[in-house]
Amino acid sequence: MFIDLFPKKPAVSAEQSQQVKDWLYEILRIDHQTVISLSQLQCQDSGCPPIQTAIAIMTSPHRVIRIHKAIPDITYADVVQAIAANKNNSTKS
């Protein structure tokens, strides 16, 4: 059985990346000078799609949000849900 250790990542346009960033700026109400980095990574979690998007938000403290979709497939609702889940996880002790 062949396992592709390096699956092809979906092509992402600058517009698609910027749309996700714009949603983040809007939802989080952060300054557009705040750096946001999007990275498509191979997902290692069992049961998740092969590609996930890791979002690094360079606020203080830094935040990392993961969405189990490729950037072109991310919707506004996905961003809202990921932020809510991240807030819930960060409040647990």
PDB file of N, CA and C in Angstrom:
ATOM      1  N   MET A   1       0.844  -1.175   0.000  1.00  0.00           N
ATOM      2  CA  MET A   1       0.000   0.000   0.000  1.00  0.00           C
ATOM      3  C   MET A   1       0.893   1.243   0.000  1.00  0.00           C
ATOM      4  N   PHE A   2       0.614   2.164  -0.893  1.00  0.00           N
ATOM      5  CA  PHE A   2       1.389   3.399  -1.014  1.00  0.00           C
ATOM      6  C   PHE A   2       0.742   4.500  -0.187  1.00  0.00           C
ATOM      7  N   ILE A   3       1.539   5.129   0.663  1.00  0.00           N
ATOM      8  CA  ILE A   3       1.055   6.263   1.447  1.00  0.00           C
ATOM      9  C   ILE A   3       1.826   7.490   0.993  1.00  0.00           C
ATOM     10  N   ASP A   4       1.102   8.471   0.510  1.00  0.00           N
ATOM     11  CA  ASP A   4       1.726   9.710   0.052  1.00  0.00           C
ATOM     12  C   ASP A   4       2.037  10.581   1.262  1.00  0.00           C
ATOM     13  N   LEU A   5       3.314  10.688   1.590  1.00  0.00           N
ATOM     14  CA  LEU A   5       3.712  11.488   2.747  1.00  0.00           C
ATOM     15  C   LEU A   5       3.666  12.984   2.464  1.00  0.00           C
ATOM     16  N   PHE A   6       3.624  13.346   1.204  1.00  0.00           N
ATOM     17  CA  PHE A   6       3.614  14.755   0.825  1.00  0.00           C
ATOM     18  C   PHE A   6       2.489  15.021  -0.173  1.00  0.00           C
ATOM     19  N   PRO A   7       1.233  14.974   0.307  1.00  0.00           N
ATOM     20  CA  PRO A   7       0.124  15.200  -0.617  1.00  0.00           C
ATOM     21  C   PRO A   7       0.185  16.618  -1.178  1.00  0.00           C
ATOM     22  N   LYS A   8      -0.301  16.759  -2.399  1.00  0.00           N
ATOM     23  CA  LYS A   8      -0.313  18.081  -3.018  1.00  0.00           C
ATOM     24  C   LYS A   8      -1.292  18.980  -2.284  1.00  0.00           C
ATOM     25  N   LYS A   9      -0.849  20.186  -2.049  1.00  0.00           N
ATOM     26  CA  LYS A   9      -1.700  21.163  -1.382  1.00  0.00           C
ATOM     27  C   LYS A   9      -2.470  21.925  -2.452  1.00  0.00           C
ATOM     28  N   PRO A  10      -3.743  22.206  -2.195  1.00  0.00           N
ATOM     29  CA  PRO A  10      -4.517  22.964  -3.177  1.00  0.00           C
ATOM     30  C   PRO A  10      -3.879  24.325  -3.436  1.00  0.00           C
ATOM     31  N   ALA A  11      -3.930  24.742  -4.691  1.00  0.00           N
ATOM     32  CA  ALA A  11      -3.409  26.064  -5.045  1.00  0.00           C
ATOM     33  C   ALA A  11      -4.253  27.132  -4.363  1.00  0.00           C
ATOM     34  N   VAL A  12      -3.585  28.163  -3.895  1.00  0.00           N
ATOM     35  CA  VAL A  12      -4.263  29.242  -3.179  1.00  0.00           C
ATOM     36  C   VAL A  12      -3.916  30.557  -3.855  1.00  0.00           C
ATOM     37  N   SER A  13      -4.941  31.320  -4.187  1.00  0.00           N
ATOM     38  CA  SER A  13      -4.686  32.638  -4.767  1.00  0.00           C
ATOM     39  C   SER A  13      -4.498  33.660  -3.652  1.00  0.00           C
ATOM     40  N   ALA A  14      -3.870  34.761  -3.991  1.00  0.00           N
ATOM     41  CA  ALA A  14      -3.684  35.848  -3.024  1.00  0.00           C
ATOM     42  C   ALA A  14      -5.035  36.356  -2.536  1.00  0.00           C
ATOM     43  N   GLU A  15      -6.023  36.360  -3.423  1.00  0.00           N
ATOM     44  CA  GLU A  15      -7.363  36.834  -3.054  1.00  0.00           C
ATOM     45  C   GLU A  15      -8.011  35.920  -2.021  1.00  0.00           C
ATOM     46  N   GLN A  16      -7.828  34.608  -2.173  1.00  0.00           N
ATOM     47  CA  GLN A  16      -8.413  33.667  -1.211  1.00  0.00           C
ATOM     48  C   GLN A  16      -7.779  33.839   0.164  1.00  0.00           C
ATOM     49  N   SER A  17      -6.471  33.973   0.202  1.00  0.00           N
ATOM     50  CA  SER A  17      -5.791  34.189   1.482  1.00  0.00           C
ATOM     51  C   SER A  17      -6.222  35.499   2.117  1.00  0.00           C
ATOM     52  N   GLN A  18      -6.301  36.548   1.304  1.00  0.00           N
ATOM     53  CA  GLN A  18      -6.684  37.856   1.838  1.00  0.00           C
ATOM     54  C   GLN A  18      -8.110  37.836   2.365  1.00  0.00           C
ATOM     55  N   GLN A  19      -9.009  37.093   1.715  1.00  0.00           N
ATOM     56  CA  GLN A  19     -10.392  37.015   2.184  1.00  0.00           C
ATOM     57  C   GLN A  19     -10.451  36.419   3.585  1.00  0.00           C
ATOM     58  N   VAL A  20      -9.711  35.339   3.815  1.00  0.00           N
ATOM     59  CA  VAL A  20      -9.688  34.717   5.142  1.00  0.00           C
ATOM     60  C   VAL A  20      -9.117  35.701   6.162  1.00  0.00           C
ATOM     61  N   LYS A  21      -8.048  36.394   5.805  1.00  0.00           N
ATOM     62  CA  LYS A  21      -7.457  37.387   6.710  1.00  0.00           C
ATOM     63  C   LYS A  21      -8.448  38.513   7.008  1.00  0.00           C
ATOM     64  N   ASP A  22      -9.151  38.988   5.994  1.00  0.00           N
ATOM     65  CA  ASP A  22     -10.138  40.056   6.203  1.00  0.00           C
ATOM     66  C   ASP A  22     -11.226  39.612   7.170  1.00  0.00           C
ATOM     67  N   TRP A  23     -11.680  38.364   7.043  1.00  0.00           N
ATOM     68  CA  TRP A  23     -12.674  37.848   7.983  1.00  0.00           C
ATOM     69  C   TRP A  23     -12.114  37.846   9.400  1.00  0.00           C
ATOM     70  N   LEU A  24     -10.858  37.440   9.551  1.00  0.00           N
ATOM     71  CA  LEU A  24     -10.231  37.416  10.875  1.00  0.00           C
ATOM     72  C   LEU A  24     -10.131  38.817  11.465  1.00  0.00           C
ATOM     73  N   TYR A  25      -9.693  39.794  10.674  1.00  0.00           N
ATOM     74  CA  TYR A  25      -9.613  41.174  11.159  1.00  0.00           C
ATOM     75  C   TYR A  25     -10.984  41.659  11.621  1.00  0.00           C
ATOM     76  N   GLU A  26     -12.010  41.338  10.834  1.00  0.00           N
ATOM     77  CA  GLU A  26     -13.375  41.773  11.164  1.00  0.00           C
ATOM     78  C   GLU A  26     -13.892  41.098  12.436  1.00  0.00           C
ATOM     79  N   ILE A  27     -13.800  39.787  12.495  1.00  0.00           N
ATOM     80  CA  ILE A  27     -14.369  39.034  13.614  1.00  0.00           C
ATOM     81  C   ILE A  27     -13.626  39.326  14.914  1.00  0.00           C
ATOM     82  N   LEU A  28     -12.298  39.376  14.844  1.00  0.00           N
ATOM     83  CA  LEU A  28     -11.491  39.600  16.046  1.00  0.00           C
ATOM     84  C   LEU A  28     -11.354  41.078  16.404  1.00  0.00           C
ATOM     85  N   ARG A  29     -11.768  41.937  15.478  1.00  0.00           N
ATOM     86  CA  ARG A  29     -11.666  43.391  15.675  1.00  0.00           C
ATOM     87  C   ARG A  29     -10.238  43.801  16.011  1.00  0.00           C
ATOM     88  N   ILE A  30      -9.325  43.338  15.176  1.00  0.00           N
ATOM     89  CA  ILE A  30      -7.923  43.698  15.357  1.00  0.00           C
ATOM     90  C   ILE A  30      -7.480  44.621  14.229  1.00  0.00           C
ATOM     91  N   ASP A  31      -6.435  45.379  14.506  1.00  0.00           N
ATOM     92  CA  ASP A  31      -5.878  46.347  13.570  1.00  0.00           C
ATOM     93  C   ASP A  31      -5.305  45.629  12.346  1.00  0.00           C
ATOM     94  N   HIS A  32      -5.491  46.222  11.175  1.00  0.00           N
ATOM     95  CA  HIS A  32      -4.969  45.618   9.950  1.00  0.00           C
ATOM     96  C   HIS A  32      -3.439  45.631   9.890  1.00  0.00           C
ATOM     97  N   GLN A  33      -2.794  46.286  10.839  1.00  0.00           N
ATOM     98  CA  GLN A  33      -1.331  46.240  10.928  1.00  0.00           C
ATOM     99  C   GLN A  33      -0.861  44.955  11.614  1.00  0.00           C
ATOM    100  N   THR A  34      -1.783  44.259  12.280  1.00  0.00           N
ATOM    101  CA  THR A  34      -1.450  42.992  12.936  1.00  0.00           C
ATOM    102  C   THR A  34      -1.167  41.942  11.865  1.00  0.00           C
ATOM    103  N   VAL A  35      -0.064  41.263  12.003  1.00  0.00           N
ATOM    104  CA  VAL A  35       0.324  40.247  11.027  1.00  0.00           C
ATOM    105  C   VAL A  35      -0.476  38.968  11.267  1.00  0.00           C
ATOM    106  N   ILE A  36      -1.026  38.438  10.174  1.00  0.00           N
ATOM    107  CA  ILE A  36      -1.716  37.150  10.197  1.00  0.00           C
ATOM    108  C   ILE A  36      -1.048  36.273   9.149  1.00  0.00           C
ATOM    109  N   SER A  37      -0.667  35.073   9.554  1.00  0.00           N
ATOM    110  CA  SER A  37      -0.009  34.139   8.649  1.00  0.00           C
ATOM    111  C   SER A  37      -0.888  32.903   8.470  1.00  0.00           C
ATOM    112  N   LEU A  38      -1.090  32.504   7.222  1.00  0.00           N
ATOM    113  CA  LEU A  38      -1.857  31.299   6.907  1.00  0.00           C
ATOM    114  C   LEU A  38      -0.910  30.256   6.326  1.00  0.00           C
ATOM    115  N   SER A  39      -0.990  29.033   6.832  1.00  0.00           N
ATOM    116  CA  SER A  39      -0.150  27.944   6.322  1.00  0.00           C
ATOM    117  C   SER A  39      -1.000  26.703   6.144  1.00  0.00           C
ATOM    118  N   GLN A  40      -0.923  26.107   4.968  1.00  0.00           N
ATOM    119  CA  GLN A  40      -1.593  24.830   4.737  1.00  0.00           C
ATOM    120  C   GLN A  40      -0.616  23.723   5.119  1.00  0.00           C
ATOM    121  N   LEU A  41      -1.058  22.848   6.005  1.00  0.00           N
ATOM    122  CA  LEU A  41      -0.201  21.785   6.519  1.00  0.00           C
ATOM    123  C   LEU A  41      -0.888  20.439   6.371  1.00  0.00           C
ATOM    124  N   GLN A  42      -0.086  19.402   6.335  1.00  0.00           N
ATOM    125  CA  GLN A  42      -0.654  18.064   6.337  1.00  0.00           C
ATOM    126  C   GLN A  42      -1.201  17.796   7.727  1.00  0.00           C
ATOM    127  N   CYS A  43      -2.449  17.360   7.804  1.00  0.00           N
ATOM    128  CA  CYS A  43      -3.085  17.093   9.093  1.00  0.00           C
ATOM    129  C   CYS A  43      -2.674  15.710   9.591  1.00  0.00           C
ATOM    130  N   GLN A  44      -2.228  15.651  10.830  1.00  0.00           N
ATOM    131  CA  GLN A  44      -1.784  14.393  11.435  1.00  0.00           C
ATOM    132  C   GLN A  44      -2.848  13.775  12.344  1.00  0.00           C
ATOM    133  N   ASP A  45      -3.931  14.504  12.615  1.00  0.00           N
ATOM    134  CA  ASP A  45      -4.983  13.996  13.496  1.00  0.00           C
ATOM    135  C   ASP A  45      -5.785  12.919  12.787  1.00  0.00           C
ATOM    136  N   SER A  46      -6.159  11.872  13.521  1.00  0.00           N
ATOM    137  CA  SER A  46      -6.955  10.820  12.902  1.00  0.00           C
ATOM    138  C   SER A  46      -8.340  11.355  12.564  1.00  0.00           C
ATOM    139  N   GLY A  47      -8.809  10.995  11.386  1.00  0.00           N
ATOM    140  CA  GLY A  47     -10.146  11.379  10.972  1.00  0.00           C
ATOM    141  C   GLY A  47     -10.272  12.763  10.375  1.00  0.00           C
ATOM    142  N   CYS A  48      -9.189  13.510  10.273  1.00  0.00           N
ATOM    143  CA  CYS A  48      -9.313  14.846   9.684  1.00  0.00           C
ATOM    144  C   CYS A  48      -8.897  14.800   8.218  1.00  0.00           C
ATOM    145  N   PRO A  49      -9.325  15.789   7.440  1.00  0.00           N
ATOM    146  CA  PRO A  49      -8.928  15.841   6.031  1.00  0.00           C
ATOM    147  C   PRO A  49      -7.400  15.916   5.911  1.00  0.00           C
ATOM    148  N   PRO A  50      -6.856  15.585   4.749  1.00  0.00           N
ATOM    149  CA  PRO A  50      -5.399  15.552   4.618  1.00  0.00           C
ATOM    150  C   PRO A  50      -4.714  16.917   4.777  1.00  0.00           C
ATOM    151  N   ILE A  51      -5.436  17.990   4.539  1.00  0.00           N
ATOM    152  CA  ILE A  51      -4.852  19.332   4.651  1.00  0.00           C
ATOM    153  C   ILE A  51      -5.620  20.138   5.690  1.00  0.00           C
ATOM    154  N   GLN A  52      -4.869  20.828   6.549  1.00  0.00           N
ATOM    155  CA  GLN A  52      -5.477  21.766   7.493  1.00  0.00           C
ATOM    156  C   GLN A  52      -4.795  23.111   7.306  1.00  0.00           C
ATOM    157  N   THR A  53      -5.453  24.162   7.746  1.00  0.00           N
ATOM    158  CA  THR A  53      -4.871  25.497   7.694  1.00  0.00           C
ATOM    159  C   THR A  53      -4.565  25.943   9.112  1.00  0.00           C
ATOM    160  N   ALA A  54      -3.308  26.295   9.333  1.00  0.00           N
ATOM    161  CA  ALA A  54      -2.883  26.856  10.614  1.00  0.00           C
ATOM    162  C   ALA A  54      -2.812  28.368  10.436  1.00  0.00           C
ATOM    163  N   ILE A  55      -3.456  29.078  11.343  1.00  0.00           N
ATOM    164  CA  ILE A  55      -3.519  30.535  11.275  1.00  0.00           C
ATOM    165  C   ILE A  55      -2.802  31.089  12.495  1.00  0.00           C
ATOM    166  N   ALA A  56      -1.732  31.833  12.253  1.00  0.00           N
ATOM    167  CA  ALA A  56      -0.988  32.478  13.337  1.00  0.00           C
ATOM    168  C   ALA A  56      -1.352  33.957  13.344  1.00  0.00           C
ATOM    169  N   ILE A  57      -1.812  34.428  14.494  1.00  0.00           N
ATOM    170  CA  ILE A  57      -2.204  35.827  14.656  1.00  0.00           C
ATOM    171  C   ILE A  57      -1.211  36.448  15.629  1.00  0.00           C
ATOM    172  N   MET A  58      -0.447  37.405  15.141  1.00  0.00           N
ATOM    173  CA  MET A  58       0.672  37.962  15.902  1.00  0.00           C
ATOM    174  C   MET A  58       0.249  39.090  16.837  1.00  0.00           C
ATOM    175  N   THR A  59      -0.685  38.763  17.715  1.00  0.00           N
ATOM    176  CA  THR A  59      -1.080  39.682  18.779  1.00  0.00           C
ATOM    177  C   THR A  59      -0.266  39.319  20.010  1.00  0.00           C
ATOM    178  N   SER A  60      -0.501  39.990  21.093  1.00  0.00           N
ATOM    179  CA  SER A  60       0.189  39.648  22.332  1.00  0.00           C
ATOM    180  C   SER A  60      -0.848  39.178  23.343  1.00  0.00           C
ATOM    181  N   PRO A  61      -0.892  37.923  23.710  1.00  0.00           N
ATOM    182  CA  PRO A  61      -0.024  36.844  23.252  1.00  0.00           C
ATOM    183  C   PRO A  61      -0.413  36.373  21.849  1.00  0.00           C
ATOM    184  N   HIS A  62       0.504  35.656  21.201  1.00  0.00           N
ATOM    185  CA  HIS A  62       0.229  35.105  19.877  1.00  0.00           C
ATOM    186  C   HIS A  62      -0.883  34.066  19.977  1.00  0.00           C
ATOM    187  N   ARG A  63      -1.651  33.965  18.910  1.00  0.00           N
ATOM    188  CA  ARG A  63      -2.721  32.961  18.861  1.00  0.00           C
ATOM    189  C   ARG A  63      -2.514  32.090  17.640  1.00  0.00           C
ATOM    190  N   VAL A  64      -2.824  30.825  17.773  1.00  0.00           N
ATOM    191  CA  VAL A  64      -2.811  29.911  16.639  1.00  0.00           C
ATOM    192  C   VAL A  64      -4.169  29.234  16.587  1.00  0.00           C
ATOM    193  N   ILE A  65      -4.780  29.298  15.426  1.00  0.00           N
ATOM    194  CA  ILE A  65      -6.092  28.693  15.203  1.00  0.00           C
ATOM    195  C   ILE A  65      -5.927  27.698  14.059  1.00  0.00           C
ATOM    196  N   ARG A  66      -6.566  26.551  14.179  1.00  0.00           N
ATOM    197  CA  ARG A  66      -6.511  25.553  13.113  1.00  0.00           C
ATOM    198  C   ARG A  66      -7.910  25.324  12.553  1.00  0.00           C
ATOM    199  N   ILE A  67      -7.960  25.242  11.237  1.00  0.00           N
ATOM    200  CA  ILE A  67      -9.205  24.902  10.545  1.00  0.00           C
ATOM    201  C   ILE A  67      -8.889  23.693   9.673  1.00  0.00           C
ATOM    202  N   HIS A  68      -9.662  22.651   9.816  1.00  0.00           N
ATOM    203  CA  HIS A  68      -9.390  21.399   9.108  1.00  0.00           C
ATOM    204  C   HIS A  68      -9.930  21.435   7.681  1.00  0.00           C
ATOM    205  N   LYS A  69      -9.470  22.439   6.957  1.00  0.00           N
ATOM    206  CA  LYS A  69      -9.808  22.612   5.544  1.00  0.00           C
ATOM    207  C   LYS A  69      -8.646  23.324   4.872  1.00  0.00           C
ATOM    208  N   ALA A  70      -8.566  23.174   3.559  1.00  0.00           N
ATOM    209  CA  ALA A  70      -7.606  23.951   2.781  1.00  0.00           C
ATOM    210  C   ALA A  70      -8.125  25.390   2.668  1.00  0.00           C
ATOM    211  N   ILE A  71      -7.233  26.330   2.472  1.00  0.00           N
ATOM    212  CA  ILE A  71      -7.614  27.745   2.421  1.00  0.00           C
ATOM    213  C   ILE A  71      -8.746  28.021   1.427  1.00  0.00           C
ATOM    214  N   PRO A  72      -8.705  27.477   0.196  1.00  0.00           N
ATOM    215  CA  PRO A  72      -9.793  27.787  -0.745  1.00  0.00           C
ATOM    216  C   PRO A  72     -11.175  27.299  -0.291  1.00  0.00           C
ATOM    217  N   ASP A  73     -11.206  26.346   0.640  1.00  0.00           N
ATOM    218  CA  ASP A  73     -12.477  25.770   1.100  1.00  0.00           C
ATOM    219  C   ASP A  73     -13.024  26.426   2.365  1.00  0.00           C
ATOM    220  N   ILE A  74     -12.268  27.339   2.960  1.00  0.00           N
ATOM    221  CA  ILE A  74     -12.682  27.967   4.217  1.00  0.00           C
ATOM    222  C   ILE A  74     -13.776  28.993   3.967  1.00  0.00           C
ATOM    223  N   THR A  75     -14.808  28.953   4.823  1.00  0.00           N
ATOM    224  CA  THR A  75     -15.911  29.910   4.747  1.00  0.00           C
ATOM    225  C   THR A  75     -15.878  30.830   5.971  1.00  0.00           C
ATOM    226  N   TYR A  76     -16.671  31.880   5.904  1.00  0.00           N
ATOM    227  CA  TYR A  76     -16.807  32.806   7.038  1.00  0.00           C
ATOM    228  C   TYR A  76     -17.244  32.039   8.287  1.00  0.00           C
ATOM    229  N   ALA A  77     -18.209  31.140   8.110  1.00  0.00           N
ATOM    230  CA  ALA A  77     -18.712  30.347   9.244  1.00  0.00           C
ATOM    231  C   ALA A  77     -17.610  29.479   9.851  1.00  0.00           C
ATOM    232  N   ASP A  78     -16.718  28.940   9.020  1.00  0.00           N
ATOM    233  CA  ASP A  78     -15.594  28.148   9.537  1.00  0.00           C
ATOM    234  C   ASP A  78     -14.699  28.996  10.436  1.00  0.00           C
ATOM    235  N   VAL A  79     -14.450  30.239  10.023  1.00  0.00           N
ATOM    236  CA  VAL A  79     -13.593  31.137  10.803  1.00  0.00           C
ATOM    237  C   VAL A  79     -14.255  31.455  12.141  1.00  0.00           C
ATOM    238  N   VAL A  80     -15.544  31.772  12.113  1.00  0.00           N
ATOM    239  CA  VAL A  80     -16.279  32.064  13.351  1.00  0.00           C
ATOM    240  C   VAL A  80     -16.217  30.867  14.294  1.00  0.00           C
ATOM    241  N   GLN A  81     -16.472  29.682  13.767  1.00  0.00           N
ATOM    242  CA  GLN A  81     -16.475  28.469  14.588  1.00  0.00           C
ATOM    243  C   GLN A  81     -15.086  28.187  15.166  1.00  0.00           C
ATOM    244  N   ALA A  82     -14.041  28.353  14.372  1.00  0.00           N
ATOM    245  CA  ALA A  82     -12.679  28.091  14.849  1.00  0.00           C
ATOM    246  C   ALA A  82     -12.275  29.067  15.947  1.00  0.00           C
ATOM    247  N   ILE A  83     -12.662  30.326  15.800  1.00  0.00           N
ATOM    248  CA  ILE A  83     -12.349  31.323  16.829  1.00  0.00           C
ATOM    249  C   ILE A  83     -13.088  30.994  18.120  1.00  0.00           C
ATOM    250  N   ALA A  84     -14.356  30.622  18.002  1.00  0.00           N
ATOM    251  CA  ALA A  84     -15.144  30.269  19.190  1.00  0.00           C
ATOM    252  C   ALA A  84     -14.536  29.050  19.886  1.00  0.00           C
ATOM    253  N   ALA A  85     -14.142  28.042  19.121  1.00  0.00           N
ATOM    254  CA  ALA A  85     -13.539  26.840  19.699  1.00  0.00           C
ATOM    255  C   ALA A  85     -12.209  27.176  20.360  1.00  0.00           C
ATOM    256  N   ASN A  86     -11.443  28.066  19.754  1.00  0.00           N
ATOM    257  CA  ASN A  86     -10.155  28.474  20.311  1.00  0.00           C
ATOM    258  C   ASN A  86     -10.345  29.218  21.622  1.00  0.00           C
ATOM    259  N   LYS A  87     -11.363  30.072  21.695  1.00  0.00           N
ATOM    260  CA  LYS A  87     -11.651  30.796  22.943  1.00  0.00           C
ATOM    261  C   LYS A  87     -12.068  29.821  24.034  1.00  0.00           C
ATOM    262  N   ASN A  88     -12.908  28.849  23.684  1.00  0.00           N
ATOM    263  CA  ASN A  88     -13.365  27.864  24.664  1.00  0.00           C
ATOM    264  C   ASN A  88     -12.205  27.029  25.184  1.00  0.00           C
ATOM    265  N   ASN A  89     -11.284  26.649  24.306  1.00  0.00           N
ATOM    266  CA  ASN A  89     -10.132  25.844  24.722  1.00  0.00           C
ATOM    267  C   ASN A  89      -9.159  26.644  25.564  1.00  0.00           C
ATOM    268  N   SER A  90      -9.026  27.938  25.296  1.00  0.00           N
ATOM    269  CA  SER A  90      -8.061  28.747  26.048  1.00  0.00           C
ATOM    270  C   SER A  90      -8.582  29.123  27.429  1.00  0.00           C
ATOM    271  N   THR A  91      -9.888  28.990  27.665  1.00  0.00           N
ATOM    272  CA  THR A  91     -10.436  29.324  28.982  1.00  0.00           C
ATOM    273  C   THR A  91     -10.458  28.124  29.916  1.00  0.00           C
ATOM    274  N   LYS A  92     -10.182  26.924  29.383  1.00  0.00           N
ATOM    275  CA  LYS A  92     -10.162  25.721  30.225  1.00  0.00           C
ATOM    276  C   LYS A  92      -8.833  25.640  30.950  1.00  0.00           C
ATOM    277  N   SER A  93      -8.872  25.203  32.197  1.00  0.00           N
ATOM    278  CA  SER A  93      -7.623  25.073  32.970  1.00  0.00           C
ATOM    279  C   SER A  93      -7.187  23.640  33.030  1.00  0.00           C
TER     280      SER A  93
END
